[in-house]
Amino acid sequence: MTLYVIRGDSVTAHSSAPAIISDRELVVQSIEDIEASGLSKVELTAIWNALPGTTKLAKFKDRKTAAQRLFAAFTKLPVEVPGSTAARIGSKQAQMIDLFRRAEGATVAEVIAATGWQPHTVRGIVSGTLKKRLGLTVLSAKEERGRVSRIPAQARA
């Protein structure tokens, strides 16, 4: 069964549970899960508007309609299969990819804390493995908490 991970207003489809699920992420498998999620109609509309190929909406009529339309759209998303990114589930590389896929991204210090790697190893994995070998788009921006790296939604397929 396919799992859908909602991170902010982005959604990714997975054939199995991702290695890391943060507190700010929601995993759903059905229309009922979306209805019971506790997401507001505003949040559901933001998710809908962020999905590729959808017509932008101002709001949904009700939660049931929102859940039905969202789940139908989720089923059209490309499914991420474990191994397609050449990272074993639960590996340090998979943890790093999951950290970068979060809406808030991750700093080198956060990756070091999660993996125990040295700073030069983290930077090498980003440039050598993620960008060159796996072909992932890794964006980096200077923010208050330091230099933050992210893998944008369109690079998740």
Foldseek 3Di string as FASTA:
>chain_A
DWKWKQFQLEIAIEPDDALDDDPRIDIDDALVCQLPVPDDQVSLLSNQCPQPPHDRDPTDPDSSVSSVVVVVSNVPHDYDYPCLQPDHGNALLSVQQVQQAHPQADDLVRSCVVHVDDSVVVVCCVPPRQCPVSVFDWDWDQDPVGIGIHGDNVRPD
